[in-house]
């Protein structure tokens, strides 16, 4: 599992945008959690951390390794 801190999510639409972006990263087998309250996301697979962070940033949010 790979956990990310994701800053800036304020609503369900934000969570869905992050979920979709993470799901499209090569190597992600499942997006387990995207939680705007905890400001976290958890994915399963062997995706590149930098690619995950870049995907979240493309959606307009800040991300970092948890």
PDB file of N, CA and C in Angstrom:
ATOM      1  N   UNK A   1       0.831  -1.183   0.000  1.00  0.00           N
ATOM      2  CA  UNK A   1       0.000   0.000   0.000  1.00  0.00           C
ATOM      3  C   UNK A   1       0.877   1.248   0.000  1.00  0.00           C
ATOM      4  N   UNK A   2       0.363   2.268  -0.661  1.00  0.00           N
ATOM      5  CA  UNK A   2       1.040   3.565  -0.697  1.00  0.00           C
ATOM      6  C   UNK A   2       0.073   4.589  -0.128  1.00  0.00           C
ATOM      7  N   UNK A   3       0.532   5.332   0.864  1.00  0.00           N
ATOM      8  CA  UNK A   3      -0.303   6.363   1.473  1.00  0.00           C
ATOM      9  C   UNK A   3       0.218   7.736   1.101  1.00  0.00           C
ATOM     10  N   UNK A   4      -0.719   8.621   0.820  1.00  0.00           N
ATOM     11  CA  UNK A   4      -0.393   9.996   0.467  1.00  0.00           C
ATOM     12  C   UNK A   4      -1.135  10.960   1.372  1.00  0.00           C
ATOM     13  N   UNK A   5      -0.498  12.069   1.689  1.00  0.00           N
ATOM     14  CA  UNK A   5      -1.190  13.208   2.278  1.00  0.00           C
ATOM     15  C   UNK A   5      -1.678  14.034   1.103  1.00  0.00           C
ATOM     16  N   UNK A   6      -2.952  14.393   1.119  1.00  0.00           N
ATOM     17  CA  UNK A   6      -3.527  15.183   0.032  1.00  0.00           C
ATOM     18  C   UNK A   6      -4.192  16.406   0.644  1.00  0.00           C
ATOM     19  N   UNK A   7      -3.683  17.583   0.309  1.00  0.00           N
ATOM     20  CA  UNK A   7      -4.219  18.823   0.858  1.00  0.00           C
ATOM     21  C   UNK A   7      -5.122  19.519  -0.146  1.00  0.00           C
ATOM     22  N   UNK A   8      -6.194  20.108   0.368  1.00  0.00           N
ATOM     23  CA  UNK A   8      -7.066  20.923  -0.466  1.00  0.00           C
ATOM     24  C   UNK A   8      -8.416  20.323  -0.800  1.00  0.00           C
ATOM     25  N   UNK A   9      -8.655  19.070  -0.449  1.00  0.00           N
ATOM     26  CA  UNK A   9      -9.960  18.462  -0.735  1.00  0.00           C
ATOM     27  C   UNK A   9     -10.989  19.030   0.241  1.00  0.00           C
ATOM     28  N   UNK A  10     -12.112  19.522  -0.301  1.00  0.00           N
ATOM     29  CA  UNK A  10     -13.139  20.120   0.552  1.00  0.00           C
ATOM     30  C   UNK A  10     -14.520  19.497   0.388  1.00  0.00           C
ATOM     31  N   UNK A  11     -14.676  18.622  -0.609  1.00  0.00           N
ATOM     32  CA  UNK A  11     -16.016  18.078  -0.864  1.00  0.00           C
ATOM     33  C   UNK A  11     -15.909  16.694  -1.522  1.00  0.00           C
ATOM     34  N   UNK A  12     -17.041  16.079  -1.709  1.00  0.00           N
ATOM     35  CA  UNK A  12     -17.087  14.777  -2.355  1.00  0.00           C
ATOM     36  C   UNK A  12     -16.572  14.816  -3.787  1.00  0.00           C
ATOM     37  N   UNK A  13     -16.831  15.921  -4.484  1.00  0.00           N
ATOM     38  CA  UNK A  13     -16.335  16.061  -5.856  1.00  0.00           C
ATOM     39  C   UNK A  13     -14.810  16.038  -5.868  1.00  0.00           C
ATOM     40  N   UNK A  14     -14.192  16.689  -4.890  1.00  0.00           N
ATOM     41  CA  UNK A  14     -12.733  16.680  -4.772  1.00  0.00           C
ATOM     42  C   UNK A  14     -12.224  15.251  -4.577  1.00  0.00           C
ATOM     43  N   UNK A  15     -12.887  14.512  -3.699  1.00  0.00           N
ATOM     44  CA  UNK A  15     -12.488  13.123  -3.457  1.00  0.00           C
ATOM     45  C   UNK A  15     -12.571  12.310  -4.740  1.00  0.00           C
ATOM     46  N   UNK A  16     -13.640  12.501  -5.498  1.00  0.00           N
ATOM     47  CA  UNK A  16     -13.812  11.739  -6.741  1.00  0.00           C
ATOM     48  C   UNK A  16     -12.747  12.112  -7.766  1.00  0.00           C
ATOM     49  N   UNK A  17     -12.393  13.387  -7.839  1.00  0.00           N
ATOM     50  CA  UNK A  17     -11.359  13.827  -8.779  1.00  0.00           C
ATOM     51  C   UNK A  17     -10.022  13.177  -8.437  1.00  0.00           C
ATOM     52  N   UNK A  18      -9.689  13.148  -7.156  1.00  0.00           N
ATOM     53  CA  UNK A  18      -8.437  12.525  -6.725  1.00  0.00           C
ATOM     54  C   UNK A  18      -8.479  11.022  -6.980  1.00  0.00           C
ATOM     55  N   UNK A  19      -9.611  10.400  -6.670  1.00  0.00           N
ATOM     56  CA  UNK A  19      -9.766   8.956  -6.885  1.00  0.00           C
ATOM     57  C   UNK A  19      -9.560   8.601  -8.364  1.00  0.00           C
ATOM     58  N   UNK A  20     -10.195   9.353  -9.250  1.00  0.00           N
ATOM     59  CA  UNK A  20     -10.055   9.091 -10.693  1.00  0.00           C
ATOM     60  C   UNK A  20      -8.617   9.279 -11.154  1.00  0.00           C
ATOM     61  N   UNK A  21      -7.985  10.351 -10.690  1.00  0.00           N
ATOM     62  CA  UNK A  21      -6.604  10.627 -11.100  1.00  0.00           C
ATOM     63  C   UNK A  21      -5.667   9.517 -10.647  1.00  0.00           C
ATOM     64  N   UNK A  22      -5.812   9.078  -9.408  1.00  0.00           N
ATOM     65  CA  UNK A  22      -4.945   8.019  -8.894  1.00  0.00           C
ATOM     66  C   UNK A  22      -5.184   6.700  -9.614  1.00  0.00           C
ATOM     67  N   UNK A  23      -6.432   6.404  -9.933  1.00  0.00           N
ATOM     68  CA  UNK A  23      -6.773   5.138 -10.590  1.00  0.00           C
ATOM     69  C   UNK A  23      -6.146   5.031 -11.976  1.00  0.00           C
ATOM     70  N   UNK A  24      -5.853   6.167 -12.604  1.00  0.00           N
ATOM     71  CA  UNK A  24      -5.298   6.161 -13.953  1.00  0.00           C
ATOM     72  C   UNK A  24      -3.779   6.027 -13.985  1.00  0.00           C
ATOM     73  N   UNK A  25      -3.138   6.093 -12.823  1.00  0.00           N
ATOM     74  CA  UNK A  25      -1.675   5.979 -12.786  1.00  0.00           C
ATOM     75  C   UNK A  25      -1.271   4.521 -13.019  1.00  0.00           C
ATOM     76  N   UNK A  26      -0.358   4.275 -13.956  1.00  0.00           N
ATOM     77  CA  UNK A  26       0.090   2.895 -14.195  1.00  0.00           C
ATOM     78  C   UNK A  26       0.643   2.264 -12.911  1.00  0.00           C
ATOM     79  N   UNK A  27       0.232   1.027 -12.669  1.00  0.00           N
ATOM     80  CA  UNK A  27       0.689   0.308 -11.488  1.00  0.00           C
ATOM     81  C   UNK A  27      -0.305   0.316 -10.343  1.00  0.00           C
ATOM     82  N   UNK A  28      -1.312   1.191 -10.403  1.00  0.00           N
ATOM     83  CA  UNK A  28      -2.334   1.217  -9.352  1.00  0.00           C
ATOM     84  C   UNK A  28      -3.328   0.100  -9.634  1.00  0.00           C
ATOM     85  N   UNK A  29      -3.484  -0.798  -8.670  1.00  0.00           N
ATOM     86  CA  UNK A  29      -4.455  -1.880  -8.828  1.00  0.00           C
ATOM     87  C   UNK A  29      -5.777  -1.550  -8.157  1.00  0.00           C
ATOM     88  N   UNK A  30      -5.752  -0.651  -7.146  1.00  0.00           N
ATOM     89  CA  UNK A  30      -6.982  -0.234  -6.473  1.00  0.00           C
ATOM     90  C   UNK A  30      -6.722   1.053  -5.710  1.00  0.00           C
ATOM     91  N   UNK A  31      -7.729   1.924  -5.708  1.00  0.00           N
ATOM     92  CA  UNK A  31      -7.702   3.107  -4.852  1.00  0.00           C
ATOM     93  C   UNK A  31      -8.559   2.736  -3.645  1.00  0.00           C
ATOM     94  N   UNK A  32      -7.910   2.531  -2.515  1.00  0.00           N
ATOM     95  CA  UNK A  32      -8.607   2.017  -1.338  1.00  0.00           C
ATOM     96  C   UNK A  32      -9.342   3.104  -0.562  1.00  0.00           C
ATOM     97  N   UNK A  33      -8.691   4.254  -0.377  1.00  0.00           N
ATOM     98  CA  UNK A  33      -9.278   5.318   0.433  1.00  0.00           C
ATOM     99  C   UNK A  33      -8.913   6.673  -0.156  1.00  0.00           C
ATOM    100  N   UNK A  34      -9.884   7.549  -0.248  1.00  0.00           N
ATOM    101  CA  UNK A  34      -9.653   8.974  -0.487  1.00  0.00           C
ATOM    102  C   UNK A  34     -10.559   9.682   0.509  1.00  0.00           C
ATOM    103  N   UNK A  35      -9.973  10.358   1.479  1.00  0.00           N
ATOM    104  CA  UNK A  35     -10.730  10.930   2.593  1.00  0.00           C
ATOM    105  C   UNK A  35     -10.395  12.403   2.763  1.00  0.00           C
ATOM    106  N   UNK A  36     -11.379  13.266   2.496  1.00  0.00           N
ATOM    107  CA  UNK A  36     -11.132  14.709   2.590  1.00  0.00           C
ATOM    108  C   UNK A  36     -10.975  15.177   4.026  1.00  0.00           C
ATOM    109  N   UNK A  37     -11.595  14.492   4.983  1.00  0.00           N
ATOM    110  CA  UNK A  37     -11.483  14.879   6.384  1.00  0.00           C
ATOM    111  C   UNK A  37     -10.081  14.587   6.903  1.00  0.00           C
ATOM    112  N   UNK A  38      -9.587  13.404   6.619  1.00  0.00           N
ATOM    113  CA  UNK A  38      -8.242  13.005   7.040  1.00  0.00           C
ATOM    114  C   UNK A  38      -7.162  13.577   6.117  1.00  0.00           C
ATOM    115  N   UNK A  39      -7.587  14.082   4.933  1.00  0.00           N
ATOM    116  CA  UNK A  39      -6.654  14.602   3.925  1.00  0.00           C
ATOM    117  C   UNK A  39      -5.640  13.526   3.526  1.00  0.00           C
ATOM    118  N   UNK A  40      -6.169  12.307   3.260  1.00  0.00           N
ATOM    119  CA  UNK A  40      -5.304  11.173   2.917  1.00  0.00           C
ATOM    120  C   UNK A  40      -5.885  10.390   1.755  1.00  0.00           C
ATOM    121  N   UNK A  41      -4.999   9.683   1.094  1.00  0.00           N
ATOM    122  CA  UNK A  41      -5.390   8.739   0.056  1.00  0.00           C
ATOM    123  C   UNK A  41      -4.491   7.517   0.190  1.00  0.00           C
ATOM    124  N   UNK A  42      -5.074   6.355  -0.067  1.00  0.00           N
ATOM    125  CA  UNK A  42      -4.326   5.101  -0.005  1.00  0.00           C
ATOM    126  C   UNK A  42      -4.601   4.317  -1.275  1.00  0.00           C
ATOM    127  N   UNK A  43      -3.527   3.887  -1.925  1.00  0.00           N
ATOM    128  CA  UNK A  43      -3.665   3.076  -3.130  1.00  0.00           C
ATOM    129  C   UNK A  43      -2.911   1.767  -2.949  1.00  0.00           C
ATOM    130  N   UNK A  44      -3.319   0.793  -3.746  1.00  0.00           N
ATOM    131  CA  UNK A  44      -2.668  -0.513  -3.741  1.00  0.00           C
ATOM    132  C   UNK A  44      -2.002  -0.691  -5.096  1.00  0.00           C
ATOM    133  N   UNK A  45      -0.853  -1.321  -5.095  1.00  0.00           N
ATOM    134  CA  UNK A  45      -0.150  -1.592  -6.334  1.00  0.00           C
ATOM    135  C   UNK A  45       1.306  -1.178  -6.234  1.00  0.00           C
ATOM    136  N   UNK A  46       1.959  -1.131  -7.384  1.00  0.00           N
ATOM    137  CA  UNK A  46       3.381  -0.798  -7.406  1.00  0.00           C
ATOM    138  C   UNK A  46       3.644   0.464  -8.222  1.00  0.00           C
ATOM    139  N   UNK A  47       2.728   1.410  -8.148  1.00  0.00           N
ATOM    140  CA  UNK A  47       2.864   2.663  -8.885  1.00  0.00           C
ATOM    141  C   UNK A  47       4.027   3.484  -8.343  1.00  0.00           C
ATOM    142  N   UNK A  48       4.576   4.307  -9.208  1.00  0.00           N
ATOM    143  CA  UNK A  48       5.659   5.212  -8.841  1.00  0.00           C
ATOM    144  C   UNK A  48       5.092   6.352  -7.997  1.00  0.00           C
ATOM    145  N   UNK A  49       5.718   6.612  -6.856  1.00  0.00           N
ATOM    146  CA  UNK A  49       5.250   7.653  -5.945  1.00  0.00           C
ATOM    147  C   UNK A  49       5.202   9.013  -6.638  1.00  0.00           C
ATOM    148  N   UNK A  50       6.217   9.326  -7.393  1.00  0.00           N
ATOM    149  CA  UNK A  50       6.248  10.625  -8.084  1.00  0.00           C
ATOM    150  C   UNK A  50       5.093  10.751  -9.077  1.00  0.00           C
ATOM    151  N   UNK A  51       4.732   9.658  -9.733  1.00  0.00           N
ATOM    152  CA  UNK A  51       3.615   9.675 -10.680  1.00  0.00           C
ATOM    153  C   UNK A  51       2.291   9.889  -9.954  1.00  0.00           C
ATOM    154  N   UNK A  52       2.148   9.291  -8.782  1.00  0.00           N
ATOM    155  CA  UNK A  52       0.927   9.489  -7.991  1.00  0.00           C
ATOM    156  C   UNK A  52       0.801  10.943  -7.553  1.00  0.00           C
ATOM    157  N   UNK A  53       1.887  11.501  -7.059  1.00  0.00           N
ATOM    158  CA  UNK A  53       1.887  12.892  -6.611  1.00  0.00           C
ATOM    159  C   UNK A  53       1.577  13.821  -7.783  1.00  0.00           C
ATOM    160  N   UNK A  54       2.185  13.557  -8.931  1.00  0.00           N
ATOM    161  CA  UNK A  54       1.949  14.380 -10.116  1.00  0.00           C
ATOM    162  C   UNK A  54       0.485  14.318 -10.550  1.00  0.00           C
ATOM    163  N   UNK A  55      -0.130  13.133 -10.485  1.00  0.00           N
ATOM    164  CA  UNK A  55      -1.529  12.982 -10.880  1.00  0.00           C
ATOM    165  C   UNK A  55      -2.438  13.801  -9.979  1.00  0.00           C
ATOM    166  N   UNK A  56      -2.158  13.793  -8.681  1.00  0.00           N
ATOM    167  CA  UNK A  56      -2.966  14.567  -7.738  1.00  0.00           C
ATOM    168  C   UNK A  56      -2.769  16.064  -7.992  1.00  0.00           C
ATOM    169  N   UNK A  57      -1.538  16.464  -8.229  1.00  0.00           N
ATOM    170  CA  UNK A  57      -1.255  17.886  -8.480  1.00  0.00           C
ATOM    171  C   UNK A  57      -1.926  18.375  -9.753  1.00  0.00           C
ATOM    172  N   UNK A  58      -2.030  17.508 -10.766  1.00  0.00           N
ATOM    173  CA  UNK A  58      -2.714  17.878 -12.003  1.00  0.00           C
ATOM    174  C   UNK A  58      -4.178  18.205 -11.760  1.00  0.00           C
ATOM    175  N   UNK A  59      -4.756  17.628 -10.725  1.00  0.00           N
ATOM    176  CA  UNK A  59      -6.150  17.913 -10.371  1.00  0.00           C
ATOM    177  C   UNK A  59      -6.290  19.157  -9.504  1.00  0.00           C
ATOM    178  N   UNK A  60      -5.163  19.768  -9.142  1.00  0.00           N
ATOM    179  CA  UNK A  60      -5.209  21.012  -8.402  1.00  0.00           C
ATOM    180  C   UNK A  60      -5.036  20.882  -6.890  1.00  0.00           C
ATOM    181  N   UNK A  61      -4.566  19.732  -6.438  1.00  0.00           N
ATOM    182  CA  UNK A  61      -4.373  19.502  -5.012  1.00  0.00           C
ATOM    183  C   UNK A  61      -2.884  19.283  -4.734  1.00  0.00           C
ATOM    184  N   UNK A  62      -2.490  19.463  -3.497  1.00  0.00           N
ATOM    185  CA  UNK A  62      -1.103  19.205  -3.091  1.00  0.00           C
ATOM    186  C   UNK A  62      -1.015  17.785  -2.528  1.00  0.00           C
ATOM    187  N   UNK A  63       0.058  17.090  -2.822  1.00  0.00           N
ATOM    188  CA  UNK A  63       0.231  15.723  -2.339  1.00  0.00           C
ATOM    189  C   UNK A  63       1.666  15.505  -1.926  1.00  0.00           C
ATOM    190  N   UNK A  64       1.831  14.603  -0.962  1.00  0.00           N
ATOM    191  CA  UNK A  64       3.164  14.212  -0.508  1.00  0.00           C
ATOM    192  C   UNK A  64       3.072  12.815   0.082  1.00  0.00           C
ATOM    193  N   UNK A  65       4.209  12.156   0.243  1.00  0.00           N
ATOM    194  CA  UNK A  65       4.229  10.841   0.860  1.00  0.00           C
ATOM    195  C   UNK A  65       3.785  10.962   2.306  1.00  0.00           C
ATOM    196  N   UNK A  66       2.991  10.013   2.757  1.00  0.00           N
ATOM    197  CA  UNK A  66       2.500  10.041   4.155  1.00  0.00           C
ATOM    198  C   UNK A  66       3.523   9.419   5.080  1.00  0.00           C
TER     199      UNK A  66
END
